[in-house]
C-alpha cells in the first residue's frame, strides 16, 4: 500500500463512524506544503453529524491523538490538516521496495492482470514504403503500453499488422514490371522500392491508364495469380529485412507479423454472415453496412469489383484474434485520422452480435508533420526513421567524445542515449498532441529529456560504485538503517515520489498514456538531483551515509524501471 492508502486506513480506524468512501473522496493534498501533507475538509459531514464543519474538524483532531503516523494535527476552520511522521514515511516506502525485492517483483508492479491477455496492434508499417518518423509514435506508444501491461501482470501479444495488401501493391507490381532494376533492388532494398512507388505516381499523373493497370494487378493478387503473388512476397521480405534494423535499434519486438495479406482469404465467412443477417446492403455496386442510425457514414465492405477493403480485413483479423487469444482487450494504436474507420468496424462487430466488441479499443494519436507540410510517400517527402536514429546517435557520440572521451563502450552507450532521446521526446507529451517535426527539438538533450533522466541514473550508479570501492555494503537490507537521517525535505521529496510510482504507472495504463511515466521519470530525476546536490552522501557520517546510500540505490532502481517502461535503456555510465 502507498502512503495515501495507509493514511486512509488509519483515519478509518480512528473515525469508525465516517464512511470509508467519504474519507477516500474527501482527502486532499494542500497546494501549500506548509499547510500539511494531507487535508480533510469537513463540509460533507455537516449534514449527517448536525454540526458546523469547524467543530467537526476540532473533534476529529482529538480522535487522532496517540496516532504514531501523524506528527502534527491541526484544525484550521473547516479543515483538518496533518503532517505525516517523516521517519514513518521513509521506513514505509523503503520497506515496500525491499518487500517487492524479496518477493522477486519489480517495485510498483502488480498482478492485477493475472490470467488476462491483451492483444496490442501497433507500428503496423506499410510494406514497400518507408519506415519514417510518422511510424515512430505508434511504435513507441505500443511498445511502452506493452511493457506497462506486462508490468501490471497481464499477458500481452504484440502484433505488427503489416500493411501488406491493397491497391498500392498493384501499383508496386506495375512499377516493378515497367522500371524495376535487379541490381538496384539488391543494392538499396526498400529505399529503391520507394523510388519505384514515387515514380509510379509521377507517371500516373501523366498517364491515368496506369491506375487501372494497378487496380487489375491487385485484383489478380486477390484471385491467386502466382506471378503477382511472388512479386508481392518479395516486396514483403525486402521490407521486413530492412525494418528489423530499426526495431533492433529501438529494442522493439513482436509476437506476430501477420498483416492484411494473412487475412484477405479469411474475409468470406464475415461477408457471408453479414449477408445472412441482412446487414450487407448494395450501394452503387459496392457492398456496405448502413450505420446511419449511429450517425456514421456506411462501412464499405466490398468494392464494385468485389475486392476487399481495410475494414473487411480488420473484421476478419479481429475475429481471428478473438478465436486465437480470447483477449481481455484488443488495443489498436493508430493515427487520429483513423478514428472514424475504427468506430465504424467496431460498430459492425457489435451488430454481428460479438459480445467482445466492447473490448476493442482504439488508441489514437496526433500526427507528426514536417515544417513544410504533411509527409507524403508518393511525393517522396519523408524522413526515414533509421536516418533520424543514426543522426541522434552520432550527435550523442560527439558530445560524449568531448565530455568523457575515456568512456568504456562508447558506441553502445551513444546508441542507448541517442535512441532514448528520440523515443523519450516522442512520449513526453500527450499522444493526442500533434507535432511538427524539428531536428533541433528532437536532438535537444537539455532540460526535460531522456538523456537527462539517463544521466541522473548513471550519476546514482556512480555514487554506489564509489561506495563499493570504499568497501561500503550498499546492497544490504534495511536492518539498522537510520530512518531519522532521511527526514529532510530533499530526501522526503525523493521518497514521496518513489511512493507514487505505481499510481503513475496505473494512470498510464488506464488512460493509454505513457507520458505519465515519462513525466514521472523527469520529476524523480529532478528530485534526486536536488537531493544529490544538497545532501552530502559519501562524505556524511556513517549513519547518515548508509541511509542516504539506501535512498540512492532505491531511486536508481525506480528510475531504471520508469525508463524501461517507456522503452528507454539505462546505461550505468555516461
Protein backbone atom coordinates (compact mmCIF):
# COMPACT_ATOMS: atom_id res chain seq x y z
CA UNK A 1 0.00 0.00 0.00
CA UNK A 2 1.16 3.52 -0.71
CA UNK A 3 1.22 6.35 1.82
CA UNK A 4 -2.25 7.63 0.98
CA UNK A 5 -3.85 4.19 1.38
CA UNK A 6 -2.19 3.84 4.78
CA UNK A 7 -3.45 7.27 5.80
CA UNK A 8 -6.98 6.31 4.76
CA UNK A 9 -6.75 3.08 6.79
CA UNK A 10 -5.52 4.99 9.82
CA UNK A 11 -8.33 7.54 9.55
CA UNK A 12 -10.91 4.79 9.13
CA UNK A 13 -9.68 3.02 12.27
CA UNK A 14 -9.82 6.30 14.24
CA UNK A 15 -13.08 7.55 12.74
CA UNK A 16 -15.27 4.39 12.58
CA UNK A 17 -18.46 6.46 12.29
CA UNK A 18 -17.39 8.05 8.99
CA UNK A 19 -17.96 6.10 5.80
CA UNK A 20 -14.72 4.98 4.12
CA UNK A 21 -15.86 6.30 0.73
CA UNK A 22 -16.34 9.77 2.22
CA UNK A 23 -12.79 9.70 3.59
CA UNK A 24 -11.38 8.48 0.26
CA UNK A 25 -13.23 11.09 -1.77
CA UNK A 26 -12.56 13.98 0.60
CA UNK A 27 -8.89 13.54 1.44
CA UNK A 28 -6.78 16.06 -0.49
CA UNK A 29 -3.24 17.38 -0.76
CA UNK A 30 -2.93 21.11 0.09
CA UNK A 31 -1.37 23.30 -2.60
CA UNK A 32 0.77 24.91 0.08
CA UNK A 33 3.12 22.27 1.55
CA UNK A 34 3.31 24.29 4.76
CA UNK A 35 -0.35 23.51 5.43
CA UNK A 36 0.30 19.78 5.73
CA UNK A 37 0.83 16.59 3.77
CA UNK A 38 -2.93 16.00 3.64
CA UNK A 39 -6.08 17.91 4.48
CA UNK A 40 -9.54 16.65 5.30
CA UNK A 41 -12.42 19.09 4.56
CA UNK A 42 -15.42 18.51 6.81
CA UNK A 43 -18.19 20.17 4.77
CA UNK A 44 -19.74 16.86 3.65
CA UNK A 45 -20.14 15.70 7.26
CA UNK A 46 -22.08 18.74 8.47
CA UNK A 47 -25.46 17.46 7.35
CA UNK A 48 -25.11 13.92 8.74
CA UNK A 49 -23.44 14.97 12.01
CA UNK A 50 -25.66 18.05 12.51
CA UNK A 51 -22.67 20.16 13.44
CA UNK A 52 -20.67 23.02 11.92
CA UNK A 53 -17.66 21.89 9.80
CA UNK A 54 -15.16 23.77 12.02
CA UNK A 55 -16.46 21.97 15.12
CA UNK A 56 -16.30 18.62 13.35
CA UNK A 57 -12.65 19.32 12.39
CA UNK A 58 -11.80 20.07 16.03
CA UNK A 59 -13.50 16.84 17.22
CA UNK A 60 -11.71 14.74 14.61
CA UNK A 61 -8.36 16.22 15.63
CA UNK A 62 -8.87 14.91 19.18
CA UNK A 63 -9.71 11.42 17.89
CA UNK A 64 -6.28 11.25 16.17
CA UNK A 65 -4.39 11.73 19.46
CA UNK A 66 -1.91 8.93 20.07
CA UNK A 67 -1.51 8.04 16.39
CA UNK A 68 2.13 7.26 15.56
CA UNK A 69 1.55 8.08 11.89
CA UNK A 70 0.99 11.81 12.32
CA UNK A 71 3.46 14.40 13.58
CA UNK A 72 1.07 17.32 13.67
CA UNK A 73 -2.70 17.62 13.50
CA UNK A 74 -4.36 20.98 13.31
CA UNK A 75 -7.97 22.03 12.80
CA UNK A 76 -7.98 25.14 10.62
CA UNK A 77 -11.55 26.29 10.24
CA UNK A 78 -13.50 23.54 8.43
CA UNK A 79 -10.26 21.68 7.53
CA UNK A 80 -8.21 19.20 9.49
CA UNK A 81 -4.61 19.41 8.29
CA UNK A 82 -1.96 16.91 9.27
CA UNK A 83 1.68 16.12 8.64
CA UNK A 84 2.76 12.51 8.45
CA UNK A 85 5.67 11.35 10.59
CA UNK A 86 8.72 11.59 8.29
CA UNK A 87 10.51 8.60 9.77
CA UNK A 88 7.36 6.55 9.25
CA UNK A 89 7.24 7.68 5.60
CA UNK A 90 10.87 6.68 5.00
CA UNK A 91 10.50 3.33 6.74
CA UNK A 92 7.23 2.53 4.99
CA UNK A 93 8.29 3.39 1.43
CA UNK A 94 11.75 1.82 1.60
CA UNK A 95 10.19 -1.17 3.31
CA UNK A 96 7.74 -1.59 0.43
CA UNK A 97 10.63 -1.54 -2.05
CA UNK A 98 12.51 -4.15 -0.01
CA UNK A 99 9.41 -6.32 0.26
CA UNK A 100 8.97 -6.27 -3.51
CA UNK A 101 12.62 -7.28 -3.99
CA UNK A 102 12.25 -10.16 -1.52
CA UNK A 103 9.21 -11.38 -3.48
CA UNK A 104 11.16 -11.15 -6.74
CA UNK A 105 8.89 -8.46 -8.17
CA UNK A 106 9.79 -5.04 -9.54
CA UNK A 107 8.66 -2.31 -7.16
CA UNK A 108 5.39 -0.78 -8.35
CA UNK A 109 4.36 -3.83 -10.38
CA UNK A 110 1.07 -5.64 -9.86
CA UNK A 111 -0.69 -8.92 -10.53
CA UNK A 112 -3.98 -7.24 -11.44
CA UNK A 113 -3.78 -8.65 -14.97
CA UNK A 114 -3.15 -12.26 -13.98
CA UNK A 115 -4.94 -14.61 -16.36
CA UNK A 116 -5.86 -11.81 -18.80
CA UNK A 117 -4.50 -11.46 -22.32
CA UNK A 118 -4.18 -8.09 -24.05
CA UNK A 119 -3.53 -8.01 -27.79
CA UNK A 120 -1.77 -4.82 -28.88
CA UNK A 121 -1.68 -3.82 -32.55
CA UNK A 122 0.97 -1.19 -33.25
CA UNK A 123 3.69 0.00 -35.61
CA UNK A 124 1.89 -1.76 -38.48
CA UNK A 125 4.28 -0.47 -41.10
CA UNK A 126 3.42 -0.43 -44.79
CA UNK A 127 5.40 -2.91 -46.85
CA UNK A 128 7.47 -1.38 -49.67
CA UNK A 129 7.07 2.07 -48.10
CA UNK A 130 9.47 3.96 -45.85
CA UNK A 131 9.64 3.30 -42.11
CA UNK A 132 9.53 7.03 -41.45
CA UNK A 133 9.19 9.28 -38.41
CA UNK A 134 5.41 9.13 -38.74
CA UNK A 135 5.63 5.48 -37.60
CA UNK A 136 7.68 6.36 -34.52
CA UNK A 137 4.69 7.38 -32.43
CA UNK A 138 2.61 4.19 -32.91
CA UNK A 139 5.76 2.10 -32.35
CA UNK A 140 6.87 3.98 -29.21
CA UNK A 141 3.37 4.13 -27.66
CA UNK A 142 2.66 0.48 -28.46
CA UNK A 143 5.99 -0.75 -27.11
CA UNK A 144 5.55 1.28 -23.92
CA UNK A 145 1.96 0.10 -23.34
CA UNK A 146 3.05 -3.50 -23.92
CA UNK A 147 5.73 -3.13 -21.25
CA UNK A 148 3.30 -1.43 -18.87
CA UNK A 149 0.67 -4.15 -19.33
CA UNK A 150 3.31 -6.82 -18.63
CA UNK A 151 4.49 -4.85 -15.59
CA UNK A 152 0.94 -4.91 -14.23
CA UNK A 153 0.63 -8.67 -14.63
CA UNK A 154 -1.13 -9.04 -17.98
CA UNK A 155 -0.11 -11.46 -20.69
CA UNK A 156 0.46 -9.48 -23.87
CA UNK A 157 0.53 -10.35 -27.55
CA UNK A 158 2.18 -7.64 -29.63
CA UNK A 159 1.10 -7.66 -33.27
CA UNK A 160 2.67 -5.82 -36.18
CA UNK A 161 -0.33 -5.81 -38.52
CA UNK A 162 1.64 -5.20 -41.69
CA UNK A 163 0.11 -3.04 -44.39
CA UNK A 164 0.94 -5.67 -46.99
CA UNK A 165 -2.25 -5.82 -49.04
CA UNK A 166 -4.26 -3.40 -51.11
CA UNK A 167 -4.18 -1.37 -54.33
CA UNK A 168 -0.75 0.07 -53.55
CA UNK A 169 0.71 -3.38 -54.25
CA UNK A 170 -0.91 -3.34 -57.66
CA UNK A 171 0.98 -0.06 -58.17
CA UNK A 172 4.23 -1.63 -56.95
CA UNK A 173 3.80 -4.62 -59.27
CA UNK A 174 3.19 -2.37 -62.28
CA UNK A 175 6.15 -0.14 -61.36
CA UNK A 176 8.47 -3.11 -60.87
CA UNK A 177 7.45 -4.70 -64.15
CA UNK A 178 7.98 -1.47 -66.07
CA UNK A 179 11.05 0.08 -64.42
CA UNK A 180 12.48 -2.44 -61.93
CA UNK A 181 16.25 -2.96 -61.83
CA UNK A 182 17.52 -6.12 -60.10
CA UNK A 183 20.91 -4.59 -59.36
CA UNK A 184 19.32 -1.62 -57.58
CA UNK A 185 16.97 -3.90 -55.62
CA UNK A 186 19.92 -5.84 -54.22
CA UNK A 187 21.88 -2.68 -53.56
CA UNK A 188 19.25 -0.38 -51.98
CA UNK A 189 16.39 -2.66 -50.89
CA UNK A 190 13.33 -0.85 -49.59
CA UNK A 191 14.67 2.59 -50.49
CA UNK A 192 14.71 1.55 -54.13
CA UNK A 193 11.15 0.18 -53.85
CA UNK A 194 10.06 3.57 -52.51
CA UNK A 195 11.71 5.25 -55.52
CA UNK A 196 9.64 2.99 -57.78
CA UNK A 197 6.46 3.88 -55.85
CA UNK A 198 7.18 7.61 -56.23
CA UNK A 199 7.94 7.13 -59.95
CA UNK A 200 4.62 5.32 -60.44
CA UNK A 201 2.68 8.31 -59.08
CA UNK A 202 4.69 10.75 -61.16
CA UNK A 203 3.96 8.75 -64.30
CA UNK A 204 0.32 8.14 -63.40
CA UNK A 205 -0.26 11.89 -63.30
CA UNK A 206 0.67 11.91 -66.99
CA UNK A 207 -0.98 8.59 -67.90
CA UNK A 208 -4.12 7.69 -65.91
CA UNK A 209 -4.31 4.23 -67.52
CA UNK A 210 -1.54 3.18 -65.12
CA UNK A 211 -4.03 3.40 -62.23
CA UNK A 212 -6.39 0.96 -63.97
CA UNK A 213 -3.43 -1.32 -64.68
CA UNK A 214 -2.56 -1.23 -60.96
CA UNK A 215 -6.16 -1.99 -59.97
CA UNK A 216 -6.15 -5.05 -62.23
CA UNK A 217 -2.76 -6.15 -60.87
CA UNK A 218 -4.10 -6.08 -57.31
CA UNK A 219 -7.25 -7.92 -58.37
CA UNK A 220 -5.03 -10.62 -59.87
CA UNK A 221 -3.34 -10.93 -56.45
CA UNK A 222 -6.73 -11.49 -54.80
CA UNK A 223 -7.57 -14.06 -57.46
CA UNK A 224 -4.38 -16.01 -56.66
CA UNK A 225 -2.17 -15.12 -59.64
CA UNK A 226 1.13 -16.76 -58.68
CA UNK A 227 3.42 -14.40 -60.59
CA UNK A 228 1.83 -11.35 -58.93
CA UNK A 229 1.89 -13.03 -55.52
CA UNK A 230 5.57 -13.97 -55.94
CA UNK A 231 6.42 -10.30 -56.52
CA UNK A 232 4.29 -9.32 -53.51
CA UNK A 233 6.09 -11.85 -51.28
CA UNK A 234 9.41 -10.45 -52.43
CA UNK A 235 8.35 -6.91 -51.53
CA UNK A 236 7.34 -8.16 -48.06
CA UNK A 237 10.65 -9.97 -47.49
CA UNK A 238 12.74 -6.98 -48.59
CA UNK A 239 10.74 -4.66 -46.34
CA UNK A 240 10.95 -6.88 -43.25
CA UNK A 241 14.70 -7.34 -43.62
CA UNK A 242 15.12 -3.58 -43.74
CA UNK A 243 12.83 -2.62 -40.84
CA UNK A 244 14.34 -5.20 -38.49
CA UNK A 245 17.39 -2.94 -38.24
CA UNK A 246 15.19 -0.15 -36.89
CA UNK A 247 13.30 -2.41 -34.49
CA UNK A 248 16.62 -3.69 -33.18
CA UNK A 249 17.79 -0.11 -32.53
CA UNK A 250 14.51 0.64 -30.72
CA UNK A 251 14.60 -2.68 -28.78
CA UNK A 252 11.07 -3.40 -30.02
CA UNK A 253 9.90 -6.97 -30.52
CA UNK A 254 6.70 -8.50 -31.87
CA UNK A 255 4.97 -11.80 -31.28
CA UNK A 256 3.30 -11.69 -34.69
CA UNK A 257 3.83 -10.06 -38.07
CA UNK A 258 0.54 -11.27 -39.52
CA UNK A 259 -0.60 -8.48 -41.79
CA UNK A 260 -3.54 -7.78 -44.05
CA UNK A 261 -2.25 -10.33 -46.55
CA UNK A 262 -2.75 -13.11 -43.99
CA UNK A 263 -6.42 -12.24 -43.62
CA UNK A 264 -7.56 -11.41 -47.16
CA UNK A 265 -8.68 -15.02 -47.77
CA UNK A 266 -10.35 -15.19 -44.31
CA UNK A 267 -12.86 -12.44 -45.02
CA UNK A 268 -15.52 -14.57 -46.71
CA UNK A 269 -17.08 -16.02 -43.51
CA UNK A 270 -17.60 -12.46 -42.17
CA UNK A 271 -19.04 -11.31 -45.51
CA UNK A 272 -21.39 -14.33 -45.60
CA UNK A 273 -22.54 -13.67 -42.02
CA UNK A 274 -23.23 -10.01 -42.78
CA UNK A 275 -25.29 -11.15 -45.76
CA UNK A 276 -27.20 -13.80 -43.77
CA UNK A 277 -28.09 -11.30 -41.02
CA UNK A 278 -29.34 -8.76 -43.53
CA UNK A 279 -26.63 -6.27 -42.68
CA UNK A 280 -24.97 -6.14 -46.11
CA UNK A 281 -26.54 -3.61 -48.47
CA UNK A 282 -25.92 -2.67 -52.11
CA UNK A 283 -24.64 0.85 -52.76
CA UNK A 284 -23.87 1.78 -56.36
CA UNK A 285 -22.46 -1.68 -57.00
CA UNK A 286 -20.45 -1.83 -53.77
CA UNK A 287 -21.42 -3.64 -50.55
CA UNK A 288 -21.84 -1.65 -47.33
CA UNK A 289 -23.16 -1.86 -43.77
CA UNK A 290 -25.51 1.06 -43.10
CA UNK A 291 -24.52 2.96 -39.93
CA UNK A 292 -26.84 5.94 -40.32
CA UNK A 293 -28.59 5.07 -37.04
CA UNK A 294 -25.22 5.62 -35.35
CA UNK A 295 -24.64 8.97 -37.11
CA UNK A 296 -21.77 7.48 -39.09
CA UNK A 297 -21.14 7.05 -42.81
CA UNK A 298 -21.63 3.50 -44.13
CA UNK A 299 -18.86 0.96 -43.58
CA UNK A 300 -17.64 -0.17 -47.01
CA UNK A 301 -17.13 -3.95 -47.11
CA UNK A 302 -16.60 -4.77 -50.80
CA UNK A 303 -15.66 -2.57 -53.77
CA UNK A 304 -17.61 -2.66 -57.02
CA UNK A 305 -15.15 -5.20 -58.45
CA UNK A 306 -15.66 -7.46 -55.40
CA UNK A 307 -12.24 -6.81 -53.83
CA UNK A 308 -11.95 -6.33 -50.07
CA UNK A 309 -11.02 -3.19 -48.13
CA UNK A 310 -9.27 -2.28 -44.89
CA UNK A 311 -12.50 -2.69 -42.90
CA UNK A 312 -13.17 -6.15 -44.36
CA UNK A 313 -9.75 -7.36 -43.37
CA UNK A 314 -9.94 -5.67 -39.95
CA UNK A 315 -13.17 -7.55 -39.24
CA UNK A 316 -11.58 -10.86 -40.22
CA UNK A 317 -8.46 -10.04 -38.20
CA UNK A 318 -10.44 -9.21 -35.06
CA UNK A 319 -12.40 -12.47 -35.33
CA UNK A 320 -9.16 -14.43 -35.74
CA UNK A 321 -7.60 -12.68 -32.73
CA UNK A 322 -10.59 -13.50 -30.57
CA UNK A 323 -10.65 -17.14 -31.72
CA UNK A 324 -6.89 -17.43 -31.11
CA UNK A 325 -6.36 -15.46 -27.89
CA UNK A 326 -9.77 -14.85 -26.23
CA UNK A 327 -8.43 -11.44 -25.30
CA UNK A 328 -9.39 -9.30 -22.33
CA UNK A 329 -8.76 -6.30 -24.58
CA UNK A 330 -7.62 -5.78 -28.16
CA UNK A 331 -5.85 -2.42 -28.40
CA UNK A 332 -5.23 -0.68 -31.73
CA UNK A 333 -2.71 2.17 -31.75
CA UNK A 334 -3.05 4.30 -34.89
CA UNK A 335 -3.28 7.92 -36.01
CA UNK A 336 -6.25 10.04 -35.01
CA UNK A 337 -7.32 10.33 -38.65
CA UNK A 338 -8.38 6.66 -38.50
CA UNK A 339 -10.80 7.20 -35.58
CA UNK A 340 -13.89 7.01 -37.80
CA UNK A 341 -12.65 3.85 -39.50
CA UNK A 342 -12.28 2.07 -36.15
CA UNK A 343 -15.59 3.39 -34.82
CA UNK A 344 -17.29 2.02 -37.95
CA UNK A 345 -15.96 -1.51 -37.93
CA UNK A 346 -16.19 -1.77 -34.12
CA UNK A 347 -19.91 -0.99 -34.57
CA UNK A 348 -20.20 -3.60 -37.32
CA UNK A 349 -18.82 -6.19 -34.89
CA UNK A 350 -21.46 -5.13 -32.35
CA UNK A 351 -24.16 -5.53 -34.99
CA UNK A 352 -22.85 -9.03 -35.68
CA UNK A 353 -23.53 -9.79 -32.01
CA UNK A 354 -19.97 -10.23 -30.81
CA UNK A 355 -20.04 -9.67 -27.01
CA UNK A 356 -16.30 -8.98 -27.08
CA UNK A 357 -16.76 -5.99 -29.41
CA UNK A 358 -16.92 -3.84 -26.26
CA UNK A 359 -13.30 -4.86 -25.55
CA UNK A 360 -11.97 -3.43 -28.81
CA UNK A 361 -10.06 -0.23 -28.02
CA UNK A 362 -8.74 2.38 -30.43
CA UNK A 363 -5.86 4.45 -29.03
CA UNK A 364 -5.43 7.44 -31.37
CA UNK A 365 -2.51 9.80 -31.53
CA UNK A 366 -1.76 13.13 -33.19
CA UNK A 367 0.24 13.10 -36.38
CA UNK A 368 3.77 14.31 -36.96
CA UNK A 369 4.15 16.69 -39.88
CA UNK A 370 7.16 18.33 -41.50
CA UNK A 371 7.84 22.04 -41.20
CA UNK A 372 6.81 22.46 -44.85
CA UNK A 373 3.66 20.34 -44.56
CA UNK A 374 2.48 16.73 -44.19
CA UNK A 375 4.63 13.79 -45.15
CA UNK A 376 3.82 12.06 -48.43
CA UNK A 377 5.44 8.83 -49.59
CA UNK A 378 4.10 9.23 -53.11
CA UNK A 379 5.81 12.63 -53.32
CA UNK A 380 8.98 11.35 -51.66
CA UNK A 381 8.55 13.78 -48.73
CA UNK A 382 9.56 11.71 -45.70
CA UNK A 383 12.28 11.46 -43.06
CA UNK A 384 13.41 7.87 -42.64
CA UNK A 385 13.33 6.77 -39.01
CA UNK A 386 16.63 4.93 -39.39
CA UNK A 387 18.29 8.17 -40.54
CA UNK A 388 16.85 10.08 -37.55
CA UNK A 389 18.06 7.48 -35.06
CA UNK A 390 21.53 7.35 -36.59
CA UNK A 391 21.75 11.15 -36.54
CA UNK A 392 20.79 11.18 -32.84
CA UNK A 393 23.39 8.51 -32.03
CA UNK A 394 26.05 10.43 -33.96
CA UNK A 395 25.27 13.67 -32.10
CA UNK A 396 25.42 11.91 -28.73
CA UNK A 397 28.76 10.35 -29.60
CA UNK A 398 30.19 13.77 -30.49
CA UNK A 399 29.04 15.16 -27.13
CA UNK A 400 30.47 12.21 -25.20
CA UNK A 401 33.80 12.33 -27.04
CA UNK A 402 34.07 15.93 -25.86
CA UNK A 403 32.90 15.44 -22.26
CA UNK A 404 34.02 11.90 -21.45
CA UNK A 405 36.49 10.66 -24.10
CA UNK A 406 37.61 7.72 -21.98
CA UNK A 407 34.13 6.24 -21.61
CA UNK A 408 34.01 2.46 -21.99
CA UNK A 409 31.67 1.04 -24.64
CA UNK A 410 31.30 4.47 -26.23
CA UNK A 411 29.37 3.19 -29.26
CA UNK A 412 26.94 1.14 -27.15
CA UNK A 413 26.24 3.99 -24.73
CA UNK A 414 25.87 6.51 -27.58
CA UNK A 415 23.28 4.27 -29.21
CA UNK A 416 21.29 3.87 -25.97
CA UNK A 417 21.30 7.60 -25.26
CA UNK A 418 20.69 8.75 -28.84
CA UNK A 419 17.80 6.36 -29.46
CA UNK A 420 16.48 7.04 -25.96
CA UNK A 421 16.44 10.77 -26.69
CA UNK A 422 14.23 10.28 -29.76
CA UNK A 423 11.81 7.86 -28.07
CA UNK A 424 11.52 9.86 -24.83
CA UNK A 425 10.90 13.09 -26.77
CA UNK A 426 8.04 11.41 -28.60
CA UNK A 427 6.42 10.09 -25.41
CA UNK A 428 6.93 13.13 -23.18
CA UNK A 429 3.70 14.84 -24.29
CA UNK A 430 0.14 13.55 -24.55
CA UNK A 431 -0.25 11.23 -27.52
CA UNK A 432 -3.14 13.33 -28.85
CA UNK A 433 -0.90 16.34 -29.37
CA UNK A 434 0.05 16.93 -33.00
CA UNK A 435 3.65 17.80 -33.62
CA UNK A 436 5.73 19.49 -36.28
CA UNK A 437 8.99 17.63 -36.70
CA UNK A 438 12.10 19.66 -35.96
CA UNK A 439 15.61 18.20 -35.91
CA UNK A 440 16.59 20.83 -33.32
CA UNK A 441 13.80 19.86 -30.92
CA UNK A 442 14.26 16.10 -31.22
CA UNK A 443 18.04 16.29 -30.87
CA UNK A 444 17.99 18.79 -28.00
CA UNK A 445 19.23 16.92 -24.92
CA UNK A 446 18.90 19.73 -22.40
CA UNK A 447 16.05 20.06 -19.90
CA UNK A 448 13.24 17.55 -19.54
CA UNK A 449 14.67 14.86 -21.81
CA UNK A 450 15.51 11.18 -21.88
CA UNK A 451 19.28 11.83 -21.67
CA UNK A 452 18.70 13.95 -18.55
CA UNK A 453 16.94 11.04 -16.83
CA UNK A 454 19.56 8.57 -18.11
CA UNK A 455 22.37 10.79 -16.82
CA UNK A 456 20.68 11.02 -13.41
CA UNK A 457 20.50 7.23 -13.24
CA UNK A 458 24.19 6.99 -14.22
CA UNK A 459 25.05 9.57 -11.54
CA UNK A 460 23.29 7.48 -8.86
CA UNK A 461 25.08 4.34 -10.06
CA UNK A 462 28.40 6.21 -9.91
CA UNK A 463 27.77 7.05 -6.23
CA UNK A 464 27.06 3.40 -5.49
CA UNK A 465 30.19 2.26 -7.36
CA UNK A 466 32.36 4.68 -5.38
CA UNK A 467 30.82 3.41 -2.15
CA UNK A 468 31.59 -0.21 -3.09
CA UNK A 469 35.15 0.79 -4.00
CA UNK A 470 35.47 2.10 -0.41
CA UNK A 471 34.28 -1.25 0.95
CA UNK A 472 30.83 0.01 1.93
CA UNK A 473 27.97 -2.50 1.70
CA UNK A 474 25.28 -0.81 -0.40
CA UNK A 475 23.26 -3.93 -1.20
CA UNK A 476 22.04 -4.95 2.24
CA UNK A 477 18.54 -4.85 3.68
CA UNK A 478 17.06 -2.11 5.87
CA UNK A 479 18.29 -3.63 9.13
CA UNK A 480 19.90 -0.87 11.15
CA UNK A 481 19.19 1.87 8.58
CA UNK A 482 18.55 5.13 10.44
CA UNK A 483 15.30 6.48 9.04
CA UNK A 484 15.69 9.65 11.06
CA UNK A 485 18.52 10.56 8.64
CA UNK A 486 16.02 10.75 5.78
CA UNK A 487 13.65 13.35 7.20
CA UNK A 488 14.96 16.50 5.48
CA UNK A 489 12.91 17.97 2.64
CA UNK A 490 15.26 16.80 -0.17
CA UNK A 491 15.22 13.16 0.93
CA UNK A 492 11.49 13.29 1.64
CA UNK A 493 10.71 14.65 -1.82
CA UNK A 494 12.52 11.68 -3.39
CA UNK A 495 10.81 9.19 -1.07
CA UNK A 496 7.32 10.55 -1.74
CA UNK A 497 7.88 10.39 -5.49
CA UNK A 498 9.05 6.79 -5.19
CA UNK A 499 5.85 6.07 -3.26
CA UNK A 500 3.79 7.46 -6.16
CA UNK A 501 5.41 5.32 -8.87
CA UNK A 502 2.69 2.68 -9.14
CA UNK A 503 -0.04 5.31 -9.23
CA UNK A 504 1.58 6.90 -12.29
CA UNK A 505 2.00 3.53 -13.98
CA UNK A 506 -1.65 2.75 -13.27
CA UNK A 507 -2.70 6.13 -14.67
CA UNK A 508 -0.68 5.48 -17.83
CA UNK A 509 -2.41 2.10 -18.19
CA UNK A 510 -5.93 3.39 -17.52
CA UNK A 511 -5.57 6.29 -19.98
CA UNK A 512 -3.29 4.55 -22.52
CA UNK A 513 -0.86 7.44 -21.97
CA UNK A 514 2.84 6.56 -21.50
CA UNK A 515 3.63 10.23 -20.98
CA UNK A 516 2.52 9.90 -17.32
CA UNK A 517 5.51 7.60 -16.76
CA UNK A 518 7.87 9.76 -18.86
CA UNK A 519 6.98 12.88 -16.88
CA UNK A 520 7.22 10.95 -13.61
CA UNK A 521 10.76 9.90 -14.56
CA UNK A 522 11.76 13.54 -15.10
CA UNK A 523 10.18 14.58 -11.78
CA UNK A 524 12.04 11.84 -9.89
CA UNK A 525 15.30 12.71 -11.66
CA UNK A 526 14.90 16.37 -10.69
CA UNK A 527 14.16 15.47 -7.07
CA UNK A 528 17.13 13.09 -6.89
CA UNK A 529 19.47 15.71 -8.35
CA UNK A 530 18.37 18.21 -5.69
CA UNK A 531 18.97 15.56 -3.02
CA UNK A 532 22.38 14.75 -4.54
CA UNK A 533 23.49 18.40 -4.56
CA UNK A 534 22.09 19.41 -1.15
CA UNK A 535 22.63 16.29 0.96
CA UNK A 536 26.19 15.00 1.23
CA UNK A 537 26.17 11.26 0.69
CA UNK A 538 29.63 9.64 0.81
CA UNK A 539 31.17 12.38 2.98
CA UNK A 540 28.40 12.27 5.61
CA UNK A 541 28.80 10.48 8.95
CA UNK A 542 28.47 6.71 8.70
CA UNK A 543 24.90 6.52 9.96
CA UNK A 544 23.67 9.25 7.61
CA UNK A 545 25.80 7.98 4.72
CA UNK A 546 24.32 4.48 4.89
CA UNK A 547 20.75 5.78 4.97
CA UNK A 548 21.35 8.08 2.01
CA UNK A 549 23.01 5.27 0.05
CA UNK A 550 19.89 3.15 0.53
CA UNK A 551 17.81 6.01 -0.85
CA UNK A 552 20.24 6.45 -3.77
CA UNK A 553 20.03 2.75 -4.59
CA UNK A 554 16.24 2.82 -4.41
CA UNK A 555 15.87 5.93 -6.57
CA UNK A 556 18.21 4.44 -9.17
CA UNK A 557 16.15 1.26 -9.33
CA UNK A 558 12.89 3.15 -9.83
CA UNK A 559 14.43 5.45 -12.46
CA UNK A 560 15.66 2.42 -14.39
CA UNK A 561 12.22 0.81 -14.22
CA UNK A 562 10.47 4.00 -15.35
CA UNK A 563 12.85 4.36 -18.30
CA UNK A 564 12.28 0.72 -19.25
CA UNK A 565 8.51 1.22 -19.23
CA UNK A 566 8.80 3.97 -21.84
CA UNK A 567 11.19 1.92 -23.96
CA UNK A 568 14.44 3.66 -23.00
CA UNK A 569 17.66 1.95 -21.85
CA UNK A 570 19.52 2.97 -18.68
CA UNK A 571 23.31 2.90 -19.17
CA UNK A 572 25.23 2.79 -15.89
CA UNK A 573 27.99 5.06 -17.18
CA UNK A 574 27.73 8.18 -19.33
